[in-house]
Every structure is written in structure tokens, then in C-alpha cells.
Amino acid sequence: MKLERSRDDVLRELPPETLSLLEAVIASAERCGGSVYLVGGPVRDLLLEREIRDVDLIVELPGCEASAAATIARKAAVRDARVVEHGRFGTVRLENRDGAIDLASMRRERYERPGKLPVVEPGCLEEDLQRRDFSINALAMPLTGSASSQGAAPIDLVNGLQDLAARRLKVLHRRSFHDDPTRALRAARLAGRLGFSLARGSRSLLRDAVRDGVFGAVSGDRLRREIEKCFSEAALGLDVVTTLRLLDDWYVLPALEPGLALPREAVAPLRRLSRALHSPPWRSGRLRPWVAGLSLWLAPLSPALRARALRRFSVRGDVAERIAGFAKNRDQRLRALASLRGRGAVDAALAGIDEEELHALHAFAEPAVRRRIVRWAAEDRARRSPVTGEDLLALGLSGPAVGRALSRVRSAYLDGEVANREEAIALAEELVRQKGTRRAARKRVRSGGARRTSRKGARASDKPG
């Protein structure tokens, strides 16, 4: 690891779209006599020579300890930039249409009860670093003062550099998991993404926290947000199975909800989902990876446990119904997709499916069906039918017949039976004629029945009374 770097060296490693914002913040702080430090994950990833995606800063401004971040951000002269303040935690987001950076005033925290959000107070650099989750995230790198022209080594008060070199995660104090049990979920994510392991002493402290039932005090919303991050980070290369397996091995999953585990049947589909999120096989629309992920993870569990887990993660309403019902719908859809012939039939079977269920189906399907799903998602669903409903109305169709005819024409178009608008119109006209023929036949049947009934009535009236 190269430890000593100048500010220019550091800035070159950060996302280029944040450069104008960073330079403005540094200049603002120096004009006001303040200090700016790169902190946490960006410093860790910089030293590991990993791509840096987010920029986190802590700032210090004498006389404005509580509002240092907001003051410096507001004074940063960046055209078209917007300052978004989150007052409770002293954090600020400075953003423009190119990028965004996060600033925080230096602070200390105290937890009044295990599992609850902390009470935040102004603090110094040492207190800010000491409040963090793991030693490898308690590193800071100065961006003001002498760092502008001379090499500056990371500030390390807790042996974070040693743990970084040993590829281990270590909490900073004995009550860390008691204060914030969600650190266990973050540990599993980091271990999975970085290939690190949880230090033996920290593992023992987590075991004590699980034994003491600390996860019961954590709200479902906070747990769901951690689950959301788990599946979202698959796009960055995280293997979700590794994360969930660690949580299972650490007895965290059953601590979240009794009986919750990582079923063996979910492992391969979750791995396929992780790969698909990292290297998408098609261009997705609006996608919430955690919905697809929970659908796969919970599908092998009993319906009762599935429902309890969703309630524990505060997943409600239509999303909860879709996740809970995925196991049943999955088998039905996959059997249909395996037996269908032609691209038009596949299109009809998948029409209207939401993006999350599509990804979950793809992850669970056999190879032949996966190829069908990819072909439909990547090619067929975006193809426009050569005729519209207005075209069919003009030909004399109405009501539900319009939808059926549109589906028939689209299916023929995807299967290559019609190649252009003219051929599609000809097919539509044929459908109109067929509908007219069927309508006339029904009328003849009805009128014939009416005549037979009339003749029977007449014969009956001719009989003597």
C-alpha cells in the first residue's frame, strides 16, 4: 500500500465528476480557516487500489463545530450546485448534475439504548474516528493545509492500516454490536465484497450481542435498508450468497426472525442473480434488486416463515404479496415457458411481468428457459407491433376483440409470419372477416332455433283442446 500521497494524487483517484465540487469545498474551507478530510470507505478503497464510487468528507471549522459542514458547503462557490442538509446528524450533501459529495461535521455519538439510533453531538477528529464501525473505516486523509503540496499519510488512531493489510474487520470497542446491531450486516457485506474476515475478538463480541437479543430492538425499516444495500451492492461485485452465508454462520439470521436461514435451494439462484446484477444480460427498466433477491431467498421457506420474515423487514402491501407469492407463480410460469413454442407465445406469457419477477425467474430457470427469457427481455419486448389499436378500430373491430387481435398480430410479427405493416394489416383484415363469419354463423344458429321453437309452438296450438 502506498500510504503517503499529495492532495493532487488523491484527487486523481476520486470520481472525476466530483472534482469541481471537491475543489470548491477545499477552497471554501481554507478561506474560512477550516480543515477537510477524506474519511472512511474512500480512504480504505484508495489504499486497496479499488475503484472509489462515493466521496465522504468530514470538516472542521473553529467556532462552528455543529454547523461546519453546512457552512462550508454553502460558501463553496459552485454554479448550479445544491446543498441538502440533514440536520439531526450534522451531514450535508452537495450536488450538481454531474456528481455529489457528502460532508459531515465532526461529531461524537452516544447510545442511550442498544439498537436505537445514536444521540449526536459536536466532537473532534479523534472522537469522530473512534465512533466508526470498523477500524478499516476509521482512517482519514487530510485535503487541506500541508496536504496540498506535501505527501500526507492517512491518520490512523486505531490500527486500521494494520487490519487493512491483514484483511480483517475489527470493531472499535466491546459494546459496538450492542450499540448498533446493524454493524453485523455491514460486516457481512464488507467481508463479501472485499474478501475480508471478521476478527476473532469481534466475532466473539457479535456472539455475545446475539446471545443478549440485541436485534429485537432494531426496527424493521432499518433491517430492510440493510437488506436493500446487500442486494444493491451485487452490482459492485458482491456475491450475495457469501453475505447471507456469513450472517447464517454468525447466527444473525435466526436472531432477526426465528427459523430464518439461507436455504440450500436458494444458493444457486441467488448466485445467478448476483452475476446478472453485476453484468446485466439485458437492459433493465426500473429494478429494485432487493425485491428479486428476497423472492429467491424466501421462496424455499414455509409460507408462514416467509410471511413472518417479510413483516420483520417491514415489507408490506403489494410488494410483500408479490414476494410471498413468487414460489407458486414461479413454478407455473416456468412450466409454461418450458412448453411454449415460438417467440410470440413467450411474449404473450411474459407480457406485463414486472422487472423484479423477471430477474427472479431468470435466476431460477433451467438454461433453455433462461435463454428464452434473455432473448425476450433483450430483444422482443422492446419491438413495436406494426399495427395499433386505432388501426383495428378503423377496420371495424371493437371491445375485447381489439386486444385479442393485437395480441395475435404481435405474436405473428415476432414469429416472422408477418414482416411489415402491410402484411400485418392484411392479417388484421382476415381476423375481422373471421369475426364477421363467426358472428353471422351465431345469428343463423340463434334464428334457426327460434324458428324451430315457433314451429313447435304452432303444432302444439293445432292440437284439439
Protein backbone atom coordinates (compact mmCIF):
# COMPACT_ATOMS: atom_id res chain seq x y z
CA MET A 1 0.00 0.00 0.00
CA LYS A 2 1.24 3.44 -0.88
CA LEU A 3 0.43 5.47 2.24
CA GLU A 4 1.82 8.95 1.65
CA ARG A 5 0.13 10.92 -1.13
CA SER A 6 -0.29 14.56 -2.05
CA ARG A 7 -3.72 16.07 -2.41
CA ASP A 8 -3.39 16.09 -6.18
CA ASP A 9 -2.60 12.37 -6.11
CA VAL A 10 -5.73 11.73 -4.04
CA LEU A 11 -7.99 13.86 -6.22
CA ARG A 12 -6.88 11.99 -9.32
CA GLU A 13 -8.15 8.76 -7.78
CA LEU A 14 -11.60 10.13 -6.91
CA PRO A 15 -14.59 10.13 -9.30
CA PRO A 16 -13.88 12.86 -11.90
CA GLU A 17 -17.46 14.11 -11.82
CA THR A 18 -16.93 15.20 -8.21
CA LEU A 19 -13.75 17.20 -8.87
CA SER A 20 -15.32 20.65 -9.22
CA LEU A 21 -17.35 20.14 -6.03
CA LEU A 22 -14.31 18.92 -4.10
CA GLU A 23 -12.10 21.79 -5.19
CA ALA A 24 -14.82 24.27 -4.24
CA VAL A 25 -15.23 22.71 -0.77
CA ILE A 26 -11.47 22.68 -0.14
CA ALA A 27 -11.16 26.33 -1.23
CA SER A 28 -14.14 27.30 0.94
CA ALA A 29 -12.67 25.60 3.99
CA GLU A 30 -9.25 27.19 3.52
CA ARG A 31 -10.80 30.67 3.15
CA CYS A 32 -12.65 30.14 6.43
CA GLY A 33 -9.68 28.64 8.27
CA GLY A 34 -11.22 25.18 8.34
CA SER A 35 -9.98 21.67 7.54
CA VAL A 36 -11.28 18.96 5.23
CA TYR A 37 -10.53 15.24 5.47
CA LEU A 38 -11.40 12.36 3.20
CA VAL A 39 -12.70 9.69 5.54
CA GLY A 40 -13.92 6.12 5.81
CA GLY A 41 -14.68 3.97 2.78
CA PRO A 42 -12.99 6.19 0.17
CA VAL A 43 -9.69 6.11 2.11
CA ARG A 44 -9.97 2.34 2.57
CA ASP A 45 -10.64 1.78 -1.14
CA LEU A 46 -7.91 4.22 -2.15
CA LEU A 47 -5.36 2.23 -0.15
CA LEU A 48 -6.68 -1.06 -1.51
CA GLU A 49 -6.48 0.40 -5.03
CA ARG A 50 -10.16 -0.27 -5.59
CA GLU A 51 -12.49 1.95 -7.58
CA ILE A 52 -13.90 4.78 -5.46
CA ARG A 53 -17.58 5.48 -6.09
CA ASP A 54 -18.60 7.75 -3.21
CA VAL A 55 -16.80 10.71 -1.64
CA ASP A 56 -17.23 11.19 2.12
CA LEU A 57 -15.66 14.16 3.88
CA ILE A 58 -15.51 15.38 7.44
CA VAL A 59 -14.88 19.07 8.03
CA GLU A 60 -13.72 21.18 10.93
CA LEU A 61 -14.41 24.89 11.35
CA PRO A 62 -13.41 26.69 14.57
CA GLY A 63 -16.39 28.38 16.19
CA CYS A 64 -18.93 26.49 14.05
CA GLU A 65 -18.46 22.95 15.30
CA ALA A 66 -22.09 21.86 14.95
CA SER A 67 -22.70 23.54 11.59
CA ALA A 68 -19.25 23.26 9.99
CA ALA A 69 -20.41 21.07 7.10
CA ALA A 70 -23.37 23.27 6.21
CA THR A 71 -21.34 26.48 6.50
CA ILE A 72 -18.53 25.26 4.27
CA ALA A 73 -20.92 23.72 1.73
CA ARG A 74 -22.97 26.93 1.47
CA LYS A 75 -19.83 29.02 0.97
CA ALA A 76 -18.48 26.73 -1.75
CA ALA A 77 -18.90 28.74 -4.95
CA VAL A 78 -20.11 26.07 -7.36
CA ARG A 79 -22.51 27.09 -10.08
CA ASP A 80 -25.78 25.13 -10.19
CA ALA A 81 -24.87 23.22 -7.01
CA ARG A 82 -27.50 22.35 -4.42
CA VAL A 83 -26.97 21.94 -0.68
CA VAL A 84 -29.14 19.31 1.03
CA GLU A 85 -28.90 19.39 4.83
CA HIS A 86 -29.70 16.56 7.23
CA GLY A 87 -29.69 18.46 10.47
CA ARG A 88 -30.02 15.65 13.00
CA PHE A 89 -26.64 14.11 12.16
CA GLY A 90 -24.83 17.26 11.02
CA THR A 91 -24.46 15.92 7.49
CA VAL A 92 -24.78 17.74 4.18
CA ARG A 93 -24.91 16.61 0.56
CA LEU A 94 -23.51 18.97 -2.07
CA GLU A 95 -24.63 18.01 -5.54
CA ASN A 96 -24.92 19.24 -9.08
CA ARG A 97 -25.98 17.49 -12.25
CA ASP A 98 -22.53 15.92 -12.65
CA GLY A 99 -21.99 14.39 -9.23
CA ALA A 100 -22.32 14.67 -5.46
CA ILE A 101 -20.19 14.58 -2.31
CA ASP A 102 -21.17 14.08 1.33
CA LEU A 103 -19.86 16.30 4.12
CA ALA A 104 -20.24 15.87 7.85
CA SER A 105 -19.28 18.00 10.80
CA MET A 106 -17.01 16.22 13.26
CA ARG A 107 -19.10 14.53 15.90
CA ARG A 108 -19.28 12.06 18.71
CA GLU A 109 -22.13 9.68 19.42
CA ARG A 110 -23.70 8.03 22.42
CA TYR A 111 -26.33 5.31 22.51
CA GLU A 112 -29.00 5.68 25.15
CA ARG A 113 -30.32 2.16 24.45
CA PRO A 114 -28.96 -0.75 22.44
CA GLY A 115 -30.27 -0.90 18.89
CA LYS A 116 -31.56 2.66 18.82
CA LEU A 117 -30.23 5.50 16.72
CA PRO A 118 -27.45 7.47 18.45
CA VAL A 119 -27.57 10.90 20.02
CA VAL A 120 -25.15 13.06 18.03
CA GLU A 121 -23.08 15.89 19.49
CA PRO A 122 -20.24 18.06 18.11
CA GLY A 123 -16.84 16.42 18.52
CA CYS A 124 -13.22 16.46 17.42
CA LEU A 125 -11.37 14.42 14.80
CA GLU A 126 -10.35 11.72 17.30
CA GLU A 127 -13.92 11.32 18.58
CA ASP A 128 -15.28 11.18 15.04
CA LEU A 129 -12.92 8.39 14.05
CA GLN A 130 -13.48 6.47 17.27
CA ARG A 131 -17.26 6.33 16.74
CA ARG A 132 -16.99 4.40 13.46
CA ASP A 133 -17.92 0.78 12.85
CA PHE A 134 -14.62 -0.91 11.91
CA SER A 135 -11.00 0.07 12.16
CA ILE A 136 -10.52 -0.03 8.36
CA ASN A 137 -13.26 2.63 8.10
CA ALA A 138 -11.70 4.84 10.78
CA LEU A 139 -8.99 6.24 8.51
CA ALA A 140 -8.82 9.90 7.43
CA MET A 141 -6.69 11.69 4.87
CA PRO A 142 -6.19 15.49 5.05
CA LEU A 143 -7.05 17.51 1.95
CA THR A 144 -6.21 20.98 3.30
CA GLY A 145 -3.10 22.63 4.73
CA SER A 146 0.19 20.92 4.07
CA ALA A 147 -1.54 18.13 2.17
CA SER A 148 -1.94 20.49 -0.78
CA SER A 149 1.76 20.35 -1.66
CA GLN A 150 3.36 17.66 0.50
CA GLY A 151 2.68 13.99 0.90
CA ALA A 152 0.30 13.20 3.73
CA ALA A 153 -0.16 9.75 5.29
CA PRO A 154 -3.59 8.60 6.48
CA ILE A 155 -4.49 9.45 10.04
CA ASP A 156 -4.83 6.12 11.86
CA LEU A 157 -5.72 6.12 15.56
CA VAL A 158 -6.99 2.55 15.86
CA ASN A 159 -4.52 0.37 13.90
CA GLY A 160 -6.78 0.42 10.86
CA LEU A 161 -3.82 0.19 8.49
CA GLN A 162 -2.63 -2.98 10.18
CA ASP A 163 -6.10 -4.53 9.89
CA LEU A 164 -6.32 -3.42 6.28
CA ALA A 165 -3.07 -5.22 5.48
CA ALA A 166 -4.28 -8.33 7.36
CA ARG A 167 -7.64 -8.18 5.52
CA ARG A 168 -9.72 -8.31 8.68
CA LEU A 169 -12.70 -6.44 10.10
CA LYS A 170 -12.41 -5.34 13.71
CA VAL A 171 -14.85 -3.30 15.77
CA LEU A 172 -13.52 -0.46 17.89
CA HIS A 173 -14.96 -1.26 21.31
CA ARG A 174 -16.64 -4.07 23.24
CA ARG A 175 -20.19 -2.68 23.02
CA SER A 176 -20.06 -1.96 19.29
CA PHE A 177 -22.61 -4.61 18.22
CA HIS A 178 -24.78 -3.87 21.25
CA ASP A 179 -24.91 -0.18 20.36
CA ASP A 180 -25.66 -0.79 16.70
CA PRO A 181 -26.51 -4.40 15.78
CA THR A 182 -26.80 -3.50 12.08
CA ARG A 183 -23.00 -3.39 12.07
CA ALA A 184 -23.19 -7.19 11.79
CA LEU A 185 -24.96 -6.86 8.44
CA ARG A 186 -22.44 -4.27 7.29
CA ALA A 187 -19.62 -6.59 8.36
CA ALA A 188 -21.06 -9.39 6.23
CA ARG A 189 -21.38 -7.07 3.22
CA LEU A 190 -17.84 -5.74 3.57
CA ALA A 191 -16.42 -9.22 4.10
CA GLY A 192 -18.20 -10.45 1.00
CA ARG A 193 -17.21 -7.50 -1.16
CA LEU A 194 -13.58 -7.14 -0.02
CA GLY A 195 -12.77 -10.76 0.75
CA PHE A 196 -12.06 -9.90 4.41
CA SER A 197 -12.85 -11.90 7.55
CA LEU A 198 -14.26 -10.83 10.89
CA ALA A 199 -11.52 -10.74 13.54
CA ARG A 200 -11.78 -13.44 16.19
CA GLY A 201 -12.34 -10.97 19.02
CA SER A 202 -15.03 -9.14 17.07
CA ARG A 203 -16.72 -12.46 16.25
CA SER A 204 -16.86 -13.20 19.97
CA LEU A 205 -18.40 -9.80 20.67
CA LEU A 206 -21.01 -10.42 17.98
CA ARG A 207 -21.82 -13.79 19.55
CA ASP A 208 -22.38 -12.03 22.90
CA ALA A 209 -24.68 -9.48 21.24
CA VAL A 210 -26.74 -12.22 19.57
CA ARG A 211 -26.99 -14.05 22.89
CA ASP A 212 -28.27 -10.85 24.55
CA GLY A 213 -31.05 -10.47 21.95
CA VAL A 214 -29.96 -7.04 20.72
CA PHE A 215 -31.53 -7.45 17.26
CA GLY A 216 -35.01 -7.34 18.76
CA ALA A 217 -34.63 -3.59 19.33
CA VAL A 218 -33.78 -2.83 15.69
CA SER A 219 -36.70 -1.58 13.63
CA GLY A 220 -37.84 -3.46 10.55
CA ASP A 221 -37.21 -0.40 8.39
CA ARG A 222 -33.53 -0.32 9.38
CA LEU A 223 -33.15 -4.03 8.71
CA ARG A 224 -34.83 -3.71 5.31
CA ARG A 225 -32.49 -0.88 4.35
CA GLU A 226 -29.52 -3.11 5.15
CA ILE A 227 -31.05 -5.91 3.05
CA GLU A 228 -31.59 -3.42 0.22
CA LYS A 229 -27.90 -2.45 0.36
CA CYS A 230 -26.89 -6.10 0.31
CA PHE A 231 -28.63 -6.76 -3.00
CA SER A 232 -27.79 -3.36 -4.49
CA GLU A 233 -24.08 -3.96 -3.89
CA ALA A 234 -24.25 -7.04 -6.10
CA ALA A 235 -23.87 -4.54 -8.96
CA LEU A 236 -20.43 -3.73 -7.48
CA GLY A 237 -19.37 -7.37 -7.48
CA LEU A 238 -20.74 -8.54 -4.11
CA ASP A 239 -21.73 -12.21 -4.02
CA VAL A 240 -24.97 -12.05 -2.04
CA VAL A 241 -24.67 -15.73 -1.09
CA THR A 242 -21.37 -15.07 0.70
CA THR A 243 -23.00 -12.28 2.72
CA LEU A 244 -26.09 -14.31 3.67
CA ARG A 245 -24.00 -17.38 4.47
CA LEU A 246 -21.82 -15.35 6.85
CA LEU A 247 -24.93 -14.00 8.58
CA ASP A 248 -26.21 -17.57 8.86
CA ASP A 249 -22.88 -18.82 10.23
CA TRP A 250 -22.82 -15.95 12.75
CA TYR A 251 -26.40 -16.88 13.89
CA VAL A 252 -27.62 -13.44 12.88
CA LEU A 253 -30.38 -14.66 10.54
CA PRO A 254 -32.30 -16.61 13.20
CA ALA A 255 -31.72 -13.67 15.55
CA LEU A 256 -33.59 -11.46 13.07
CA GLU A 257 -36.51 -13.91 12.86
CA PRO A 258 -36.63 -17.38 14.46
CA GLY A 259 -36.20 -20.05 11.80
CA LEU A 260 -34.77 -17.70 9.19
CA ALA A 261 -31.84 -19.27 7.32
CA LEU A 262 -30.21 -19.48 3.92
CA PRO A 263 -31.91 -22.47 2.24
CA ARG A 264 -29.70 -24.66 0.10
CA GLU A 265 -32.23 -24.42 -2.77
CA ALA A 266 -31.78 -20.64 -2.88
CA VAL A 267 -27.99 -20.65 -3.22
CA ALA A 268 -27.62 -21.23 -6.98
CA PRO A 269 -30.45 -18.82 -7.96
CA LEU A 270 -29.06 -16.10 -5.69
CA ARG A 271 -25.60 -16.55 -7.22
CA ARG A 272 -27.09 -16.22 -10.72
CA LEU A 273 -28.96 -13.09 -9.63
CA SER A 274 -25.72 -11.60 -8.25
CA ARG A 275 -23.97 -12.21 -11.56
CA ALA A 276 -26.89 -10.77 -13.52
CA LEU A 277 -26.89 -7.62 -11.39
CA HIS A 278 -23.14 -7.23 -11.86
CA SER A 279 -23.19 -7.98 -15.62
CA PRO A 280 -26.80 -7.43 -16.76
CA PRO A 281 -27.89 -9.82 -19.53
CA TRP A 282 -30.39 -7.21 -20.73
CA ARG A 283 -31.10 -3.54 -20.18
CA SER A 284 -33.48 -3.34 -17.25
CA GLY A 285 -36.13 -0.78 -16.60
CA ARG A 286 -36.97 0.22 -13.05
CA LEU A 287 -35.48 -2.53 -10.91
CA ARG A 288 -35.34 -2.98 -7.15
CA PRO A 289 -32.76 -5.75 -6.71
CA TRP A 290 -33.83 -6.46 -3.13
CA VAL A 291 -37.34 -7.46 -4.27
CA ALA A 292 -35.93 -10.04 -6.69
CA GLY A 293 -33.43 -11.12 -4.03
CA LEU A 294 -35.99 -11.61 -1.27
CA SER A 295 -38.23 -13.50 -3.70
CA LEU A 296 -35.44 -16.02 -4.35
CA TRP A 297 -34.13 -16.17 -0.79
CA LEU A 298 -37.51 -16.74 0.89
CA ALA A 299 -39.16 -18.94 -1.77
CA PRO A 300 -37.96 -22.31 -0.32
CA LEU A 301 -39.14 -21.39 3.20
CA SER A 302 -42.57 -22.26 4.53
CA PRO A 303 -45.35 -19.75 3.74
CA ALA A 304 -45.71 -18.92 7.44
CA LEU A 305 -41.98 -18.21 7.92
CA ARG A 306 -41.91 -16.25 4.67
CA ALA A 307 -44.76 -14.05 5.91
CA ARG A 308 -43.08 -13.51 9.30
CA ALA A 309 -39.76 -12.58 7.69
CA LEU A 310 -41.47 -10.01 5.44
CA ARG A 311 -43.23 -8.48 8.44
CA ARG A 312 -39.92 -8.36 10.32
CA PHE A 313 -38.32 -6.49 7.43
CA SER A 314 -41.33 -4.12 7.24
CA VAL A 315 -42.17 -5.21 3.70
CA ARG A 316 -45.86 -4.52 3.22
CA GLY A 317 -48.61 -4.17 0.65
CA ASP A 318 -48.32 -5.22 -2.96
CA VAL A 319 -44.54 -5.80 -2.75
CA ALA A 320 -44.99 -8.24 0.15
CA GLU A 321 -47.72 -10.10 -1.75
CA ARG A 322 -45.54 -10.41 -4.84
CA ILE A 323 -42.55 -11.71 -2.86
CA ALA A 324 -44.69 -14.12 -0.83
CA GLY A 325 -46.45 -15.45 -3.94
CA PHE A 326 -43.34 -15.84 -6.07
CA ALA A 327 -42.81 -19.53 -5.23
CA LYS A 328 -46.25 -20.51 -6.52
CA ASN A 329 -46.21 -18.24 -9.57
CA ARG A 330 -42.63 -19.27 -10.38
CA ASP A 331 -43.43 -22.94 -10.95
CA GLN A 332 -46.47 -22.14 -13.05
CA ARG A 333 -44.62 -19.64 -15.24
CA LEU A 334 -41.55 -21.81 -15.71
CA ARG A 335 -43.62 -24.85 -16.73
CA ALA A 336 -45.43 -22.70 -19.28
CA LEU A 337 -42.21 -21.18 -20.64
CA ALA A 338 -40.64 -24.62 -20.99
CA SER A 339 -43.54 -25.93 -23.08
CA LEU A 340 -44.22 -22.91 -25.30
CA ARG A 341 -43.23 -22.83 -28.95
CA GLY A 342 -42.40 -19.62 -30.77
CA ARG A 343 -41.32 -16.17 -29.69
CA GLY A 344 -44.85 -14.86 -29.89
CA ALA A 345 -46.05 -17.37 -27.31
CA VAL A 346 -43.19 -16.44 -24.97
CA ASP A 347 -44.06 -12.78 -25.44
CA ALA A 348 -47.68 -13.43 -24.51
CA ALA A 349 -46.62 -15.39 -21.43
CA LEU A 350 -44.25 -12.69 -20.15
CA ALA A 351 -46.25 -9.61 -21.14
CA GLY A 352 -46.83 -7.33 -18.17
CA ILE A 353 -44.37 -9.08 -15.85
CA ASP A 354 -42.51 -6.70 -13.52
CA GLU A 355 -38.74 -6.40 -13.73
CA GLU A 356 -38.09 -7.93 -10.30
CA GLU A 357 -40.05 -11.12 -11.03
CA LEU A 358 -38.40 -11.36 -14.45
CA HIS A 359 -34.93 -11.34 -12.84
CA ALA A 360 -36.03 -13.83 -10.21
CA LEU A 361 -37.48 -16.17 -12.85
CA HIS A 362 -34.29 -15.92 -14.90
CA ALA A 363 -32.20 -16.79 -11.84
CA PHE A 364 -34.32 -19.84 -11.03
CA ALA A 365 -34.89 -21.22 -14.54
CA GLU A 366 -33.14 -24.02 -16.36
CA PRO A 367 -30.64 -22.95 -19.08
CA ALA A 368 -33.05 -23.33 -22.04
CA VAL A 369 -35.72 -21.24 -20.35
CA ARG A 370 -33.13 -18.68 -19.23
CA ARG A 371 -32.15 -18.22 -22.89
CA ARG A 372 -35.78 -17.61 -23.79
CA ILE A 373 -36.15 -15.05 -21.03
CA VAL A 374 -32.98 -13.22 -22.07
CA ARG A 375 -34.00 -13.16 -25.73
CA TRP A 376 -37.42 -11.77 -24.85
CA ALA A 377 -36.07 -9.18 -22.38
CA ALA A 378 -33.17 -8.06 -24.58
CA GLU A 379 -34.92 -8.11 -27.97
CA ASP A 380 -38.60 -8.92 -28.25
CA ARG A 381 -40.29 -6.88 -25.55
CA ALA A 382 -38.96 -3.62 -27.00
CA ARG A 383 -40.14 -4.41 -30.53
CA ARG A 384 -43.18 -2.38 -31.56
CA SER A 385 -46.08 -4.10 -33.25
CA PRO A 386 -46.64 -2.91 -36.83
CA VAL A 387 -50.33 -2.13 -36.13
CA THR A 388 -52.07 -0.21 -33.35
CA GLY A 389 -55.44 -0.38 -31.70
CA GLU A 390 -56.56 2.58 -33.79
CA ASP A 391 -55.78 0.59 -36.94
CA LEU A 392 -58.01 -2.23 -35.77
CA LEU A 393 -60.82 0.10 -34.73
CA ALA A 394 -60.72 1.57 -38.23
CA LEU A 395 -61.16 -1.96 -39.62
CA GLY A 396 -64.33 -2.45 -37.61
CA LEU A 397 -63.18 -4.30 -34.51
CA SER A 398 -64.29 -3.15 -31.08
CA GLY A 399 -64.22 -4.13 -27.43
CA PRO A 400 -62.13 -7.12 -26.26
CA ALA A 401 -61.71 -8.24 -29.86
CA VAL A 402 -59.22 -5.39 -30.37
CA GLY A 403 -56.92 -6.71 -27.65
CA ARG A 404 -57.12 -10.27 -28.91
CA ALA A 405 -56.37 -9.18 -32.47
CA LEU A 406 -53.43 -7.01 -31.35
CA SER A 407 -52.01 -9.98 -29.46
CA ARG A 408 -52.46 -12.26 -32.48
CA VAL A 409 -50.79 -9.79 -34.86
CA ARG A 410 -47.89 -9.16 -32.44
CA SER A 411 -47.35 -12.89 -32.00
CA ALA A 412 -47.29 -13.39 -35.77
CA TYR A 413 -44.85 -10.49 -36.14
CA LEU A 414 -42.42 -11.90 -33.54
CA ASP A 415 -42.66 -15.36 -35.11
CA GLY A 416 -41.89 -13.96 -38.56
CA GLU A 417 -45.30 -14.78 -40.04
CA VAL A 418 -45.74 -11.12 -40.99
CA ALA A 419 -42.79 -8.93 -41.88
CA ASN A 420 -44.19 -5.40 -42.19
CA ARG A 421 -47.19 -3.16 -41.67
CA GLU A 422 -48.90 -4.16 -44.93
CA GLU A 423 -48.80 -7.85 -44.08
CA ALA A 424 -49.94 -7.09 -40.53
CA ILE A 425 -52.93 -5.11 -41.83
CA ALA A 426 -53.79 -8.00 -44.15
CA LEU A 427 -53.76 -10.38 -41.18
CA ALA A 428 -55.91 -7.97 -39.19
CA GLU A 429 -58.43 -7.78 -42.07
CA GLU A 430 -58.54 -11.58 -42.15
CA LEU A 431 -59.27 -11.59 -38.43
CA VAL A 432 -62.08 -9.08 -38.99
CA ARG A 433 -63.57 -11.30 -41.73
CA GLN A 434 -63.32 -14.34 -39.49
CA LYS A 435 -65.06 -12.48 -36.71
CA GLY A 436 -67.80 -11.43 -39.14
CA THR A 437 -68.24 -15.01 -40.36
CA ARG A 438 -68.48 -16.32 -36.81
CA ARG A 439 -71.00 -13.60 -35.91
CA ALA A 440 -73.17 -14.49 -38.91
CA ALA A 441 -72.99 -18.18 -38.03
CA ARG A 442 -74.11 -17.48 -34.48
CA LYS A 443 -77.03 -15.43 -35.78
CA ARG A 444 -78.10 -18.28 -38.08
CA VAL A 445 -77.93 -20.72 -35.21
CA ARG A 446 -79.97 -18.43 -32.99
CA SER A 447 -82.56 -17.67 -35.69
CA GLY A 448 -82.83 -21.36 -36.62
CA GLY A 449 -83.51 -22.24 -33.04
CA ALA A 450 -86.11 -19.52 -32.81
CA ARG A 451 -87.90 -20.87 -35.95
CA ARG A 452 -87.88 -24.41 -34.58
CA THR A 453 -89.36 -23.15 -31.33
CA SER A 454 -92.02 -21.22 -33.26
CA ARG A 455 -92.98 -24.31 -35.34
CA LYS A 456 -93.23 -26.43 -32.20
CA GLY A 457 -95.50 -23.82 -30.66
CA ALA A 458 -97.65 -23.74 -33.79
CA ARG A 459 -98.03 -27.56 -33.85
CA ALA A 460 -99.00 -27.52 -30.23
CA SER A 461 -101.71 -24.92 -30.85
CA ASP A 462 -103.19 -27.07 -33.67
CA LYS A 463 -103.93 -29.93 -31.31
CA PRO A 464 -107.58 -30.22 -30.17
CA GLY A 465 -108.24 -28.95 -26.72
